[in-house]
N, C-alpha and C. Protein backbone atom coordinates (compact mmCIF):
# COMPACT_ATOMS: atom_id res chain seq x y z
N MET A 1 190.39 56.16 21.45
CA MET A 1 189.08 56.56 21.92
C MET A 1 188.94 58.07 21.98
N ALA A 2 189.97 58.80 21.63
CA ALA A 2 189.88 60.25 21.64
C ALA A 2 188.82 60.69 20.64
N GLY A 3 188.02 61.64 21.03
CA GLY A 3 187.00 62.17 20.15
C GLY A 3 185.66 61.44 20.22
N ILE A 4 185.58 60.36 20.96
CA ILE A 4 184.32 59.64 21.09
C ILE A 4 183.58 60.16 22.30
N VAL A 5 182.36 60.56 22.09
CA VAL A 5 181.53 61.05 23.18
C VAL A 5 180.72 59.87 23.72
N TYR A 6 180.88 59.60 24.99
CA TYR A 6 180.22 58.47 25.63
C TYR A 6 179.24 59.01 26.65
N ASP A 7 177.97 58.78 26.43
CA ASP A 7 176.93 59.27 27.33
C ASP A 7 176.29 58.07 28.05
N ALA A 8 176.82 57.77 29.22
CA ALA A 8 176.35 56.61 29.98
C ALA A 8 174.89 56.77 30.38
N ARG A 9 174.46 58.00 30.58
CA ARG A 9 173.07 58.25 30.97
C ARG A 9 172.10 57.77 29.88
N ARG A 10 172.44 58.03 28.63
CA ARG A 10 171.59 57.58 27.52
C ARG A 10 171.60 56.06 27.40
N ILE A 11 172.75 55.46 27.58
CA ILE A 11 172.85 54.00 27.49
C ILE A 11 172.01 53.36 28.60
N LYS A 12 172.11 53.93 29.79
CA LYS A 12 171.32 53.43 30.92
C LYS A 12 169.82 53.62 30.66
N ALA A 13 169.46 54.77 30.10
CA ALA A 13 168.05 55.05 29.81
C ALA A 13 167.52 54.10 28.75
N TYR A 14 168.32 53.81 27.75
CA TYR A 14 167.90 52.87 26.70
C TYR A 14 167.68 51.48 27.30
N GLY A 15 168.61 51.06 28.14
CA GLY A 15 168.46 49.77 28.82
C GLY A 15 167.21 49.73 29.68
N GLY A 16 166.95 50.83 30.37
CA GLY A 16 165.74 50.92 31.20
C GLY A 16 164.48 50.89 30.36
N LEU A 17 164.50 51.56 29.21
CA LEU A 17 163.35 51.54 28.31
C LEU A 17 163.09 50.13 27.81
N LEU A 18 164.15 49.42 27.43
CA LEU A 18 163.97 48.04 26.96
C LEU A 18 163.41 47.14 28.07
N ALA A 19 163.91 47.31 29.29
CA ALA A 19 163.42 46.51 30.41
C ALA A 19 161.95 46.82 30.69
N LEU A 20 161.60 48.10 30.65
CA LEU A 20 160.21 48.50 30.85
C LEU A 20 159.33 47.96 29.72
N GLY A 21 159.86 48.00 28.51
CA GLY A 21 159.14 47.46 27.37
C GLY A 21 158.87 45.98 27.51
N GLU A 22 159.82 45.27 28.06
CA GLU A 22 159.64 43.83 28.27
C GLU A 22 158.52 43.58 29.28
N ILE A 23 158.52 44.33 30.36
CA ILE A 23 157.47 44.22 31.37
C ILE A 23 156.11 44.59 30.77
N ALA A 24 156.14 45.55 29.85
CA ALA A 24 154.91 46.06 29.24
C ALA A 24 154.45 45.23 28.04
N ASP A 25 155.16 44.14 27.77
CA ASP A 25 154.83 43.28 26.63
C ASP A 25 154.91 44.01 25.29
N GLU A 26 155.86 44.92 25.18
CA GLU A 26 156.12 45.59 23.91
C GLU A 26 157.35 44.96 23.27
N THR A 27 157.39 44.96 21.96
CA THR A 27 158.53 44.38 21.26
C THR A 27 159.74 45.31 21.32
N LYS A 28 160.90 44.75 21.09
CA LYS A 28 162.12 45.55 21.02
C LYS A 28 162.00 46.58 19.90
N GLU A 29 161.38 46.18 18.79
CA GLU A 29 161.22 47.09 17.66
C GLU A 29 160.35 48.29 18.05
N TRP A 30 159.27 48.03 18.79
CA TRP A 30 158.40 49.12 19.24
C TRP A 30 159.19 50.06 20.16
N CYS A 31 159.95 49.48 21.07
CA CYS A 31 160.76 50.29 22.00
C CYS A 31 161.83 51.08 21.24
N ASP A 32 162.44 50.46 20.23
CA ASP A 32 163.46 51.15 19.45
C ASP A 32 162.85 52.35 18.71
N GLU A 33 161.64 52.17 18.19
CA GLU A 33 160.98 53.29 17.51
C GLU A 33 160.70 54.43 18.49
N LEU A 34 160.25 54.09 19.68
CA LEU A 34 160.02 55.12 20.70
C LEU A 34 161.34 55.78 21.07
N TRP A 35 162.39 54.99 21.24
CA TRP A 35 163.70 55.52 21.60
C TRP A 35 164.18 56.52 20.55
N GLU A 36 164.00 56.21 19.29
CA GLU A 36 164.43 57.11 18.21
C GLU A 36 163.76 58.47 18.33
N GLU A 37 162.54 58.50 18.83
CA GLU A 37 161.85 59.78 19.05
C GLU A 37 162.35 60.47 20.32
N LEU A 38 162.51 59.71 21.39
CA LEU A 38 162.89 60.29 22.68
C LEU A 38 164.30 60.86 22.66
N VAL A 39 165.20 60.20 21.94
CA VAL A 39 166.60 60.62 21.97
C VAL A 39 166.79 62.02 21.35
N PHE A 40 165.85 62.43 20.50
CA PHE A 40 165.94 63.75 19.88
C PHE A 40 165.04 64.78 20.57
N ASP A 41 164.44 64.41 21.67
CA ASP A 41 163.61 65.33 22.45
C ASP A 41 164.15 65.36 23.87
N PRO A 42 165.02 66.34 24.16
CA PRO A 42 165.68 66.38 25.48
C PRO A 42 164.71 66.39 26.66
N GLY A 43 163.59 67.06 26.51
CA GLY A 43 162.60 67.10 27.60
C GLY A 43 162.00 65.74 27.88
N LEU A 44 161.60 65.03 26.83
CA LEU A 44 161.02 63.71 27.03
C LEU A 44 162.07 62.70 27.50
N LEU A 45 163.30 62.85 27.02
CA LEU A 45 164.36 61.96 27.49
C LEU A 45 164.60 62.17 28.98
N GLU A 46 164.59 63.43 29.40
CA GLU A 46 164.74 63.72 30.84
C GLU A 46 163.58 63.12 31.63
N GLU A 47 162.36 63.22 31.09
CA GLU A 47 161.19 62.62 31.74
C GLU A 47 161.35 61.11 31.88
N LEU A 48 161.86 60.45 30.83
CA LEU A 48 162.06 59.01 30.87
C LEU A 48 163.07 58.63 31.94
N VAL A 49 164.20 59.34 31.97
CA VAL A 49 165.23 59.04 32.97
C VAL A 49 164.65 59.22 34.37
N PHE A 50 163.91 60.30 34.58
CA PHE A 50 163.29 60.54 35.88
C PHE A 50 162.33 59.42 36.24
N TYR A 51 161.50 59.02 35.27
CA TYR A 51 160.54 57.94 35.54
C TYR A 51 161.26 56.64 35.89
N LEU A 52 162.30 56.31 35.16
CA LEU A 52 163.04 55.08 35.42
C LEU A 52 163.69 55.09 36.81
N GLU A 53 164.12 56.25 37.26
CA GLU A 53 164.77 56.36 38.56
C GLU A 53 163.79 56.44 39.72
N HIS A 54 162.62 57.05 39.49
CA HIS A 54 161.69 57.33 40.59
C HIS A 54 160.35 56.60 40.49
N ARG A 55 160.04 56.08 39.32
CA ARG A 55 158.79 55.36 39.06
C ARG A 55 157.54 56.23 39.19
N PHE A 56 157.70 57.53 38.96
CA PHE A 56 156.56 58.42 38.76
C PHE A 56 156.99 59.51 37.79
N LEU A 57 156.02 60.18 37.21
CA LEU A 57 156.30 61.16 36.16
C LEU A 57 156.59 62.53 36.74
N MET A 58 157.57 63.18 36.17
CA MET A 58 157.94 64.53 36.57
C MET A 58 156.89 65.52 36.05
N ASP A 59 156.37 65.25 34.86
CA ASP A 59 155.30 66.03 34.24
C ASP A 59 155.71 67.45 33.88
N LYS A 60 156.97 67.63 33.46
CA LYS A 60 157.44 68.95 33.04
C LYS A 60 157.12 69.24 31.58
N VAL A 61 157.15 68.23 30.74
CA VAL A 61 156.90 68.42 29.31
C VAL A 61 155.40 68.63 29.11
N ARG A 62 155.07 69.67 28.38
CA ARG A 62 153.67 70.02 28.14
C ARG A 62 153.43 70.25 26.65
N CYS A 63 152.23 69.94 26.23
CA CYS A 63 151.79 70.26 24.88
C CYS A 63 150.32 70.65 24.99
N GLU A 64 150.01 71.86 24.56
CA GLU A 64 148.63 72.36 24.64
C GLU A 64 148.06 72.27 26.06
N GLY A 65 148.92 72.41 27.06
CA GLY A 65 148.49 72.37 28.45
C GLY A 65 148.44 70.99 29.06
N TYR A 66 148.69 69.96 28.27
CA TYR A 66 148.63 68.58 28.75
C TYR A 66 150.05 68.05 28.99
N GLY A 67 150.18 67.22 30.03
CA GLY A 67 151.45 66.58 30.34
C GLY A 67 151.33 65.07 30.24
N LEU A 68 152.41 64.39 30.55
CA LEU A 68 152.43 62.93 30.49
C LEU A 68 151.42 62.30 31.45
N THR A 69 151.21 62.92 32.60
CA THR A 69 150.23 62.38 33.55
C THR A 69 148.83 62.40 32.94
N ASP A 70 148.51 63.48 32.23
CA ASP A 70 147.20 63.55 31.57
C ASP A 70 147.06 62.42 30.54
N LEU A 71 148.11 62.17 29.79
CA LEU A 71 148.08 61.11 28.78
C LEU A 71 148.02 59.74 29.43
N TYR A 72 148.68 59.58 30.56
CA TYR A 72 148.62 58.32 31.31
C TYR A 72 147.19 58.07 31.82
N ILE A 73 146.58 59.09 32.37
CA ILE A 73 145.21 58.96 32.87
C ILE A 73 144.25 58.66 31.72
N TRP A 74 144.48 59.29 30.58
CA TRP A 74 143.66 59.01 29.41
C TRP A 74 143.80 57.55 29.00
N GLN A 75 145.04 57.03 29.04
CA GLN A 75 145.26 55.61 28.76
C GLN A 75 144.48 54.74 29.75
N MET A 76 144.54 55.11 31.02
CA MET A 76 143.85 54.36 32.07
C MET A 76 142.34 54.37 31.83
N ASN A 77 141.79 55.52 31.51
CA ASN A 77 140.35 55.61 31.26
C ASN A 77 139.94 54.78 30.05
N ARG A 78 140.75 54.78 29.01
CA ARG A 78 140.47 53.94 27.84
C ARG A 78 140.48 52.47 28.22
N TYR A 79 141.43 52.06 29.04
CA TYR A 79 141.50 50.68 29.49
C TYR A 79 140.23 50.30 30.27
N ASN A 80 139.81 51.19 31.15
CA ASN A 80 138.62 50.93 31.95
C ASN A 80 137.38 50.81 31.08
N LEU A 81 137.28 51.64 30.06
CA LEU A 81 136.12 51.57 29.16
C LEU A 81 136.14 50.28 28.35
N ILE A 82 137.30 49.94 27.82
CA ILE A 82 137.42 48.73 27.01
C ILE A 82 137.15 47.49 27.86
N GLY A 83 137.72 47.49 29.06
CA GLY A 83 137.52 46.35 29.96
C GLY A 83 136.17 46.35 30.64
N ASP A 84 135.43 47.47 30.48
CA ASP A 84 134.11 47.61 31.08
C ASP A 84 134.14 47.30 32.58
N SER A 85 135.24 47.71 33.23
CA SER A 85 135.38 47.39 34.64
C SER A 85 135.11 48.58 35.55
N GLY A 86 135.27 49.79 35.01
CA GLY A 86 135.08 50.97 35.84
C GLY A 86 136.26 51.25 36.75
N LYS A 87 137.20 50.35 36.77
CA LYS A 87 138.41 50.54 37.58
C LYS A 87 139.52 49.70 36.96
N ASN A 88 140.75 50.04 37.30
CA ASN A 88 141.84 49.23 36.74
C ASN A 88 142.08 48.03 37.64
N THR A 89 142.14 46.89 37.01
CA THR A 89 142.30 45.63 37.73
C THR A 89 143.77 45.22 37.78
N ASP A 90 144.03 44.09 38.39
CA ASP A 90 145.40 43.57 38.43
C ASP A 90 145.93 43.27 37.03
N ALA A 91 145.04 43.00 36.10
CA ALA A 91 145.45 42.71 34.73
C ALA A 91 145.90 43.97 33.98
N CYS A 92 145.62 45.12 34.54
CA CYS A 92 145.98 46.39 33.92
C CYS A 92 147.50 46.55 33.96
N ASN A 93 148.12 46.72 32.80
CA ASN A 93 149.56 46.85 32.70
C ASN A 93 149.93 48.34 32.72
N LYS A 94 150.18 48.86 33.90
CA LYS A 94 150.45 50.28 34.06
C LYS A 94 151.76 50.69 33.41
N ASP A 95 152.74 49.79 33.37
CA ASP A 95 154.00 50.09 32.69
C ASP A 95 153.76 50.32 31.20
N ARG A 96 152.87 49.53 30.64
CA ARG A 96 152.53 49.70 29.22
C ARG A 96 151.86 51.06 29.00
N MET A 97 151.00 51.44 29.92
CA MET A 97 150.32 52.73 29.79
C MET A 97 151.28 53.89 29.89
N VAL A 98 152.29 53.77 30.73
CA VAL A 98 153.29 54.83 30.84
C VAL A 98 154.05 54.94 29.52
N LEU A 99 154.49 53.81 28.98
CA LEU A 99 155.20 53.86 27.70
C LEU A 99 154.32 54.46 26.60
N HIS A 100 153.04 54.10 26.61
CA HIS A 100 152.14 54.65 25.60
C HIS A 100 151.88 56.13 25.84
N ALA A 101 151.95 56.59 27.07
CA ALA A 101 151.83 58.02 27.34
C ALA A 101 153.02 58.76 26.71
N PHE A 102 154.22 58.19 26.80
CA PHE A 102 155.37 58.79 26.13
C PHE A 102 155.15 58.82 24.62
N ARG A 103 154.69 57.71 24.07
CA ARG A 103 154.43 57.64 22.63
C ARG A 103 153.36 58.65 22.22
N ASP A 104 152.31 58.76 23.03
CA ASP A 104 151.25 59.73 22.74
C ASP A 104 151.77 61.16 22.77
N MET A 105 152.68 61.46 23.70
CA MET A 105 153.23 62.82 23.77
C MET A 105 154.04 63.13 22.51
N VAL A 106 154.80 62.16 22.03
CA VAL A 106 155.54 62.34 20.78
C VAL A 106 154.55 62.68 19.66
N GLU A 107 153.49 61.91 19.56
CA GLU A 107 152.49 62.12 18.52
C GLU A 107 151.72 63.42 18.74
N MET A 108 151.43 63.74 19.99
CA MET A 108 150.69 64.97 20.29
C MET A 108 151.49 66.20 19.87
N LYS A 109 152.80 66.15 20.06
CA LYS A 109 153.63 67.28 19.64
C LYS A 109 153.58 67.47 18.13
N ARG A 110 153.37 66.38 17.39
CA ARG A 110 153.26 66.46 15.93
C ARG A 110 151.90 66.99 15.48
N ASN A 111 150.84 66.58 16.20
CA ASN A 111 149.49 66.93 15.80
C ASN A 111 148.65 67.23 17.05
N PRO A 112 148.89 68.39 17.66
CA PRO A 112 148.21 68.69 18.93
C PRO A 112 146.69 68.70 18.84
N ALA A 113 146.14 69.24 17.78
CA ALA A 113 144.68 69.38 17.68
C ALA A 113 143.99 68.02 17.74
N ALA A 114 144.54 67.02 17.09
CA ALA A 114 143.92 65.69 17.10
C ALA A 114 143.90 65.11 18.50
N TYR A 115 144.97 65.31 19.25
CA TYR A 115 145.01 64.77 20.61
C TYR A 115 144.13 65.57 21.57
N VAL A 116 144.06 66.87 21.39
CA VAL A 116 143.17 67.66 22.25
C VAL A 116 141.74 67.18 22.04
N ARG A 117 141.34 66.91 20.79
CA ARG A 117 139.99 66.39 20.53
C ARG A 117 139.78 65.05 21.23
N LYS A 118 140.78 64.18 21.15
CA LYS A 118 140.66 62.86 21.80
C LYS A 118 140.56 63.00 23.32
N LEU A 119 141.40 63.84 23.87
CA LEU A 119 141.45 63.99 25.32
C LEU A 119 140.21 64.65 25.89
N THR A 120 139.63 65.55 25.13
CA THR A 120 138.48 66.30 25.64
C THR A 120 137.17 65.81 25.05
N MET A 121 137.26 64.85 24.15
CA MET A 121 136.08 64.35 23.43
C MET A 121 135.32 65.51 22.80
N GLY A 122 136.11 66.50 22.33
CA GLY A 122 135.52 67.64 21.63
C GLY A 122 134.99 68.74 22.51
N ARG A 123 135.11 68.61 23.84
CA ARG A 123 134.49 69.58 24.76
C ARG A 123 135.41 70.71 25.16
N GLY A 124 136.69 70.54 25.22
CA GLY A 124 137.57 71.56 25.77
C GLY A 124 137.91 71.24 27.20
N MET A 125 139.04 71.71 27.66
CA MET A 125 139.57 71.33 28.97
C MET A 125 138.69 71.76 30.13
N ASP A 126 138.09 72.94 30.04
CA ASP A 126 137.39 73.48 31.20
C ASP A 126 135.90 73.23 31.19
N GLN A 127 135.41 72.49 30.23
CA GLN A 127 133.98 72.21 30.17
C GLN A 127 133.67 70.84 30.72
N ALA A 128 132.57 70.72 31.41
CA ALA A 128 132.17 69.43 31.97
C ALA A 128 131.45 68.59 30.97
């Protein structure tokens, strides 16, 4: 076993991601694709570990001024609009929204302008 680097934290985080994915009704394949992105982004991996341990977002990772909490709230607002409820109901899968916030941050880092347009509906952060 000499020369093998064993990172129990990553193994635990992967297990936690799979468990969260199961609760969120996401497939193992979907979770594996997200994991492949997170494992190469130390900031997002740290955010995931923190979320799994504390069940809230640390919100340290930023892209264009937006953090995971902003993406989570955007997910929530989209759910409310689609459900035409004006509020999140018991049927709202918040664990799924958290996972999708992580996925959105991965994508936002690749194409920030597209996500800023989605998040602001073309208005900009400081405009009403």
